[in-house]
């Protein structure tokens, strides 16, 4: 009897690693890529998303986060997610507008008043309708994250008003609204992926760029840029999207868990960025950036707001920009 008991215990001890191995083998790993630095809120929030999804599925879904452009540039990771070789992608809304041009409404200059206005739009019916535009292109929109209000940096001179931008080579996204705005301002817009930007500024292939203070700080642009102007000329959302092929391969319960985790983390990430704004600006000043805190924003808006909006309205009508401008927030 003692021998039989020992055999039973031995059998159980041998089976335990086998069963644990089976459970581990049954876990589905999702690869999540974004272009922002490891110090950025996107990376911190991506890891929170991974934790949420693991907990909501009891470990059945795990997420491996690849930040800092490790899996490629913005267009590359979007293409990989569409093709099903990457599971989850996070990058700026402007990089999705080539697929779903109606999303360009979110990038119109001087459209959003503040972050409360942004949240009212992105978390409401307008946001749900717009992110649904990605589905015919092999992507399932999971939600909007925050990049923030864009400000101009350059290595040549202070930007106090619109005239100061004339002749500057400014990196933009490939978004038509961003390109048109800088053309109207007399600058030379040069679209390129975020992952190529630091080197382009370091080699003076471009004079400057436009991004929120948090990203300017986290990407260490102060090492290659001298001047910062708080123009806040446009807001940029990030889009969290999943390969439609991968999403549809999941069970209904796991799809629901993905959506729930995304819904929980999105507002947290936007809050992280909002709280980091003032700290980021202070850090940029400490690193020697010469800052124009109250530029003549009206001089920029007078040149770009209506013409860029007009281009959008000619293609898609005024209903969407009107609804965004009229949203409470």
Protein backbone atom coordinates (compact mmCIF):
# COMPACT_ATOMS: atom_id res chain seq x y z
CA UNK A 1 0.00 0.00 0.00
CA UNK A 2 2.86 2.33 0.85
CA UNK A 3 4.43 1.50 -2.51
CA UNK A 4 1.18 2.21 -4.34
CA UNK A 5 0.88 5.56 -2.53
CA UNK A 6 4.44 6.48 -3.48
CA UNK A 7 3.70 5.55 -7.08
CA UNK A 8 0.59 7.75 -7.06
CA UNK A 9 2.57 10.69 -5.68
CA UNK A 10 5.31 10.12 -8.23
CA UNK A 11 2.75 9.97 -11.02
CA UNK A 12 1.16 13.23 -9.84
CA UNK A 13 4.53 14.96 -9.59
CA UNK A 14 5.43 13.88 -13.13
CA UNK A 15 2.02 14.92 -14.47
CA UNK A 16 2.12 18.42 -12.92
CA UNK A 17 4.88 19.82 -15.20
CA UNK A 18 3.20 18.12 -18.15
CA UNK A 19 -0.15 19.76 -17.40
CA UNK A 20 1.52 23.11 -16.74
CA UNK A 21 3.36 22.73 -20.04
CA UNK A 22 0.08 22.03 -21.83
CA UNK A 23 -1.52 25.15 -20.28
CA UNK A 24 1.49 27.24 -21.32
CA UNK A 25 1.42 25.76 -24.82
CA UNK A 26 -2.24 26.67 -25.13
CA UNK A 27 -1.56 30.35 -24.35
CA UNK A 28 -1.76 32.64 -27.36
CA UNK A 29 0.97 35.25 -27.64
CA UNK A 30 0.12 38.52 -29.36
CA UNK A 31 2.86 40.77 -30.72
CA UNK A 32 2.25 44.51 -30.17
CA UNK A 33 4.40 47.10 -31.98
CA UNK A 34 4.66 50.90 -31.72
CA UNK A 35 7.28 53.49 -32.80
CA UNK A 36 7.61 55.60 -29.64
CA UNK A 37 10.58 55.50 -27.22
CA UNK A 38 10.57 53.11 -24.28
CA UNK A 39 10.30 56.13 -21.94
CA UNK A 40 7.04 57.30 -23.55
CA UNK A 41 3.58 56.76 -22.07
CA UNK A 42 2.71 54.55 -25.02
CA UNK A 43 5.17 51.95 -23.84
CA UNK A 44 4.01 52.10 -20.22
CA UNK A 45 0.36 51.88 -21.26
CA UNK A 46 1.08 49.04 -23.69
CA UNK A 47 2.49 47.02 -20.79
CA UNK A 48 -0.60 47.84 -18.71
CA UNK A 49 -2.73 46.62 -21.61
CA UNK A 50 -0.70 43.40 -21.66
CA UNK A 51 -1.25 42.93 -17.91
CA UNK A 52 -4.99 43.59 -18.25
CA UNK A 53 -5.40 41.13 -21.09
CA UNK A 54 -3.43 38.41 -19.30
CA UNK A 55 -5.54 38.86 -16.16
CA UNK A 56 -8.86 39.00 -18.03
CA UNK A 57 -8.08 35.74 -19.84
CA UNK A 58 -6.35 33.93 -16.96
CA UNK A 59 -3.14 33.86 -18.94
CA UNK A 60 -4.66 32.48 -22.13
CA UNK A 61 -3.70 35.66 -24.02
CA UNK A 62 -0.28 37.18 -23.48
CA UNK A 63 1.17 40.28 -25.16
CA UNK A 64 4.77 40.95 -26.10
CA UNK A 65 5.42 44.68 -26.56
CA UNK A 66 7.95 45.92 -29.14
CA UNK A 67 8.51 49.67 -28.77
CA UNK A 68 10.91 52.21 -30.25
CA UNK A 69 10.29 51.08 -33.82
CA UNK A 70 11.88 47.68 -33.17
CA UNK A 71 9.61 46.00 -35.73
CA UNK A 72 9.76 48.78 -38.29
CA UNK A 73 8.48 52.23 -39.22
CA UNK A 74 4.89 53.44 -38.91
CA UNK A 75 3.83 52.32 -42.42
CA UNK A 76 5.69 49.02 -42.01
CA UNK A 77 3.91 47.95 -38.84
CA UNK A 78 0.50 48.98 -40.20
CA UNK A 79 1.14 46.89 -43.31
CA UNK A 80 2.28 43.94 -41.16
CA UNK A 81 -0.89 44.09 -39.06
CA UNK A 82 -3.06 44.25 -42.17
CA UNK A 83 -1.26 41.24 -43.57
CA UNK A 84 -1.59 39.25 -40.36
CA UNK A 85 2.15 38.99 -39.56
CA UNK A 86 1.75 41.41 -36.64
CA UNK A 87 -1.10 41.23 -34.16
CA UNK A 88 -1.49 44.71 -32.63
CA UNK A 89 -0.25 48.05 -33.88
CA UNK A 90 -0.24 51.49 -32.28
CA UNK A 91 0.75 54.59 -34.22
CA UNK A 92 -0.50 58.05 -35.07
CA UNK A 93 -3.82 58.63 -36.77
CA UNK A 94 -2.12 60.43 -39.71
CA UNK A 95 -0.50 57.17 -40.80
CA UNK A 96 -3.90 55.49 -41.15
CA UNK A 97 -5.44 58.21 -43.32
CA UNK A 98 -3.99 56.75 -46.53
CA UNK A 99 -6.23 53.74 -45.92
CA UNK A 100 -9.21 55.53 -44.41
CA UNK A 101 -9.07 59.18 -45.53
CA UNK A 102 -12.13 60.25 -43.53
CA UNK A 103 -9.93 59.90 -40.42
CA UNK A 104 -8.09 63.00 -41.67
CA UNK A 105 -10.86 65.05 -40.02
CA UNK A 106 -9.15 64.47 -36.67
CA UNK A 107 -5.97 66.16 -37.93
CA UNK A 108 -7.49 69.42 -39.14
CA UNK A 109 -5.57 72.36 -37.65
CA UNK A 110 -7.07 74.37 -34.80
CA UNK A 111 -10.11 72.06 -34.61
CA UNK A 112 -9.91 70.81 -31.01
CA UNK A 113 -10.19 73.26 -28.13
CA UNK A 114 -8.65 71.13 -25.37
CA UNK A 115 -8.38 67.54 -24.17
CA UNK A 116 -11.93 67.48 -22.80
CA UNK A 117 -13.15 68.29 -26.29
CA UNK A 118 -10.90 65.53 -27.65
CA UNK A 119 -12.30 62.94 -25.21
CA UNK A 120 -15.89 63.89 -26.04
CA UNK A 121 -15.21 63.24 -29.72
CA UNK A 122 -12.98 60.17 -29.55
CA UNK A 123 -14.97 58.34 -26.89
CA UNK A 124 -18.34 59.15 -28.47
CA UNK A 125 -20.25 58.22 -31.58
CA UNK A 126 -17.93 60.20 -33.87
CA UNK A 127 -14.91 58.24 -32.66
CA UNK A 128 -16.67 54.90 -32.98
CA UNK A 129 -17.79 55.70 -36.52
CA UNK A 130 -14.35 56.88 -37.62
CA UNK A 131 -12.38 53.97 -36.20
CA UNK A 132 -14.81 51.62 -37.95
CA UNK A 133 -13.39 52.92 -41.23
CA UNK A 134 -10.37 50.65 -40.70
CA UNK A 135 -12.24 47.34 -40.83
CA UNK A 136 -12.47 47.05 -44.64
CA UNK A 137 -8.67 47.39 -44.67
CA UNK A 138 -7.86 44.35 -42.54
CA UNK A 139 -7.75 46.13 -39.17
CA UNK A 140 -10.05 46.19 -36.15
CA UNK A 141 -9.89 49.50 -34.31
CA UNK A 142 -9.54 48.97 -30.56
CA UNK A 143 -9.48 52.61 -29.48
CA UNK A 144 -7.80 55.99 -29.51
CA UNK A 145 -4.71 56.80 -27.48
CA UNK A 146 -3.06 60.18 -27.09
CA UNK A 147 -0.13 61.79 -28.84
CA UNK A 148 -1.29 65.29 -28.00
CA UNK A 149 -1.25 68.87 -29.24
CA UNK A 150 1.55 69.49 -31.70
CA UNK A 151 4.25 72.14 -31.20
CA UNK A 152 7.01 73.24 -33.54
CA UNK A 153 10.73 72.76 -32.96
CA UNK A 154 13.62 73.69 -35.22
CA UNK A 155 17.36 74.18 -35.18
CA UNK A 156 17.50 77.58 -36.89
CA UNK A 157 15.38 80.31 -35.25
CA UNK A 158 12.55 81.13 -32.82
CA UNK A 159 9.03 80.84 -34.24
CA UNK A 160 6.96 83.71 -32.85
CA UNK A 161 4.48 83.98 -35.71
CA UNK A 162 3.57 82.41 -39.04
CA UNK A 163 6.16 84.40 -41.02
CA UNK A 164 8.99 82.79 -39.04
CA UNK A 165 8.25 79.41 -40.63
CA UNK A 166 8.95 80.53 -44.18
CA UNK A 167 11.67 78.48 -45.80
CA UNK A 168 12.09 75.99 -42.96
CA UNK A 169 12.26 72.30 -43.84
CA UNK A 170 9.74 70.75 -41.44
CA UNK A 171 9.18 67.04 -41.07
CA UNK A 172 5.49 66.19 -41.09
CA UNK A 173 3.47 63.01 -41.17
CA UNK A 174 2.19 61.92 -44.61
CA UNK A 175 -1.23 63.27 -43.66
CA UNK A 176 -2.69 65.70 -46.26
CA UNK A 177 -3.83 68.15 -43.56
CA UNK A 178 -0.33 68.42 -42.07
CA UNK A 179 1.37 68.77 -45.45
CA UNK A 180 -1.08 71.41 -46.72
CA UNK A 181 -0.84 73.44 -43.51
CA UNK A 182 2.93 73.82 -43.71
CA UNK A 183 2.80 74.59 -47.41
CA UNK A 184 0.39 77.43 -46.64
CA UNK A 185 2.77 78.69 -43.96
CA UNK A 186 5.59 78.93 -46.49
CA UNK A 187 7.57 76.05 -45.00
CA UNK A 188 8.85 73.04 -46.90
CA UNK A 189 7.03 69.98 -45.46
CA UNK A 190 8.93 66.69 -45.71
CA UNK A 191 6.84 63.66 -44.72
CA UNK A 192 8.74 60.78 -43.13
CA UNK A 193 8.23 58.02 -40.53
CA UNK A 194 8.82 58.95 -36.90
CA UNK A 195 11.57 56.33 -36.65
CA UNK A 196 13.69 58.25 -39.20
CA UNK A 197 13.19 61.70 -37.69
CA UNK A 198 16.01 61.98 -35.13
CA UNK A 199 18.66 61.13 -37.72
CA UNK A 200 17.12 63.52 -40.25
CA UNK A 201 17.36 66.38 -37.75
CA UNK A 202 20.83 65.37 -36.62
CA UNK A 203 22.12 65.45 -40.20
CA UNK A 204 20.16 68.65 -40.97
CA UNK A 205 18.17 66.90 -43.70
CA UNK A 206 15.29 68.72 -42.02
CA UNK A 207 15.34 71.87 -39.91
CA UNK A 208 12.57 70.90 -37.55
CA UNK A 209 9.42 68.97 -36.77
CA UNK A 210 6.12 69.24 -34.89
CA UNK A 211 5.05 67.04 -32.00
CA UNK A 212 3.76 67.31 -28.43
CA UNK A 213 6.19 68.29 -25.67
CA UNK A 214 6.00 64.82 -24.08
CA UNK A 215 7.20 63.12 -27.25
CA UNK A 216 9.82 65.81 -27.96
CA UNK A 217 11.24 65.13 -24.48
CA UNK A 218 10.96 61.34 -24.57
CA UNK A 219 12.56 61.12 -28.01
CA UNK A 220 15.40 63.41 -26.83
CA UNK A 221 14.88 65.84 -29.68
CA UNK A 222 16.47 68.53 -27.51
CA UNK A 223 19.81 66.98 -28.49
CA UNK A 224 19.34 68.08 -32.11
CA UNK A 225 16.85 70.98 -31.83
CA UNK A 226 17.39 74.42 -30.31
CA UNK A 227 14.01 76.20 -30.56
CA UNK A 228 10.55 75.22 -29.31
CA UNK A 229 7.34 77.15 -29.99
CA UNK A 230 4.12 76.12 -28.20
CA UNK A 231 1.87 76.55 -31.21
CA UNK A 232 -0.57 73.73 -30.33
CA UNK A 233 -1.70 74.03 -33.94
CA UNK A 234 -3.27 70.57 -34.22
CA UNK A 235 -4.15 67.59 -32.06
CA UNK A 236 -3.00 64.07 -32.95
CA UNK A 237 -4.58 60.87 -31.72
CA UNK A 238 -2.93 57.49 -31.75
CA UNK A 239 -4.90 54.50 -32.99
CA UNK A 240 -4.67 51.10 -31.35
CA UNK A 241 -5.64 48.50 -33.94
CA UNK A 242 -5.53 44.74 -34.28
CA UNK A 243 -5.05 42.51 -37.27
CA UNK A 244 -8.56 41.56 -38.36
CA UNK A 245 -7.32 38.09 -39.25
CA UNK A 246 -5.92 37.55 -35.75
CA UNK A 247 -8.94 39.13 -34.04
CA UNK A 248 -11.37 36.86 -35.85
CA UNK A 249 -9.28 33.81 -34.92
CA UNK A 250 -9.97 34.46 -31.21
CA UNK A 251 -12.92 33.07 -29.30
CA UNK A 252 -15.82 35.48 -28.62
CA UNK A 253 -14.79 35.64 -24.96
CA UNK A 254 -11.23 36.56 -25.87
CA UNK A 255 -12.39 39.19 -28.37
CA UNK A 256 -14.46 40.72 -25.62
CA UNK A 257 -11.42 40.68 -23.30
CA UNK A 258 -9.30 42.48 -25.92
CA UNK A 259 -11.93 45.20 -26.32
CA UNK A 260 -12.40 45.55 -22.56
CA UNK A 261 -8.65 45.86 -21.90
CA UNK A 262 -8.33 48.47 -24.65
CA UNK A 263 -11.29 50.44 -23.27
CA UNK A 264 -9.78 50.41 -19.78
CA UNK A 265 -6.27 51.50 -20.76
CA UNK A 266 -7.01 54.15 -23.40
CA UNK A 267 -8.28 56.83 -20.98
CA UNK A 268 -5.43 56.02 -18.56
CA UNK A 269 -2.85 56.62 -21.26
CA UNK A 270 -4.43 59.93 -22.26
CA UNK A 271 -4.36 60.97 -18.61
CA UNK A 272 -0.68 60.03 -18.37
CA UNK A 273 0.15 62.33 -21.26
CA UNK A 274 -1.92 65.22 -19.95
CA UNK A 275 -0.24 65.04 -16.55
CA UNK A 276 3.21 64.84 -18.14
CA UNK A 277 2.87 67.99 -20.28
CA UNK A 278 4.11 70.53 -17.75
CA UNK A 279 6.94 68.28 -16.55
CA UNK A 280 8.05 67.66 -20.14
CA UNK A 281 8.16 71.38 -20.90
CA UNK A 282 10.25 72.05 -17.79
CA UNK A 283 12.68 69.28 -18.80
CA UNK A 284 13.05 70.68 -22.30
CA UNK A 285 13.96 74.06 -20.86
CA UNK A 286 16.48 72.43 -18.53
CA UNK A 287 18.08 70.83 -21.57
CA UNK A 288 18.55 74.25 -23.13
CA UNK A 289 15.65 74.58 -25.52
CA UNK A 290 14.78 78.23 -26.16
CA UNK A 291 11.01 78.33 -25.75
CA UNK A 292 8.37 80.68 -27.17
CA UNK A 293 5.48 79.99 -24.81
CA UNK A 294 2.95 82.42 -26.28
CA UNK A 295 3.46 82.55 -30.05
CA UNK A 296 0.95 84.35 -32.25
CA UNK A 297 -1.29 81.35 -32.89
CA UNK A 298 -3.86 83.57 -34.62
CA UNK A 299 -1.33 84.30 -37.37
CA UNK A 300 -1.04 80.55 -38.05
CA UNK A 301 -4.76 79.86 -37.80
CA UNK A 302 -5.60 82.69 -40.21
CA UNK A 303 -3.50 81.05 -42.92
CA UNK A 304 -4.29 77.37 -42.44
CA UNK A 305 -7.54 76.63 -40.58
CA UNK A 306 -10.11 77.42 -43.28
CA UNK A 307 -8.16 76.34 -46.40
CA UNK A 308 -7.25 72.93 -44.94
CA UNK A 309 -10.81 72.40 -43.74
CA UNK A 310 -12.06 73.39 -47.22
CA UNK A 311 -10.00 70.64 -48.84
CA UNK A 312 -11.53 68.07 -46.51
CA UNK A 313 -15.08 69.37 -47.04
CA UNK A 314 -14.67 69.22 -50.81
CA UNK A 315 -14.01 65.47 -50.56
CA UNK A 316 -16.25 64.37 -47.72
CA UNK A 317 -18.68 67.19 -46.92
CA UNK A 318 -18.89 69.41 -43.85
CA UNK A 319 -20.96 67.15 -41.59
CA UNK A 320 -18.05 65.52 -39.80
CA UNK A 321 -15.87 68.59 -39.09
CA UNK A 322 -19.00 70.49 -38.10
CA UNK A 323 -19.97 67.72 -35.68
CA UNK A 324 -16.48 67.66 -34.18
CA UNK A 325 -16.36 71.43 -33.77
CA UNK A 326 -19.81 71.41 -32.17
CA UNK A 327 -19.17 68.57 -29.73
CA UNK A 328 -19.44 69.43 -26.05
CA UNK A 329 -16.33 68.97 -24.04
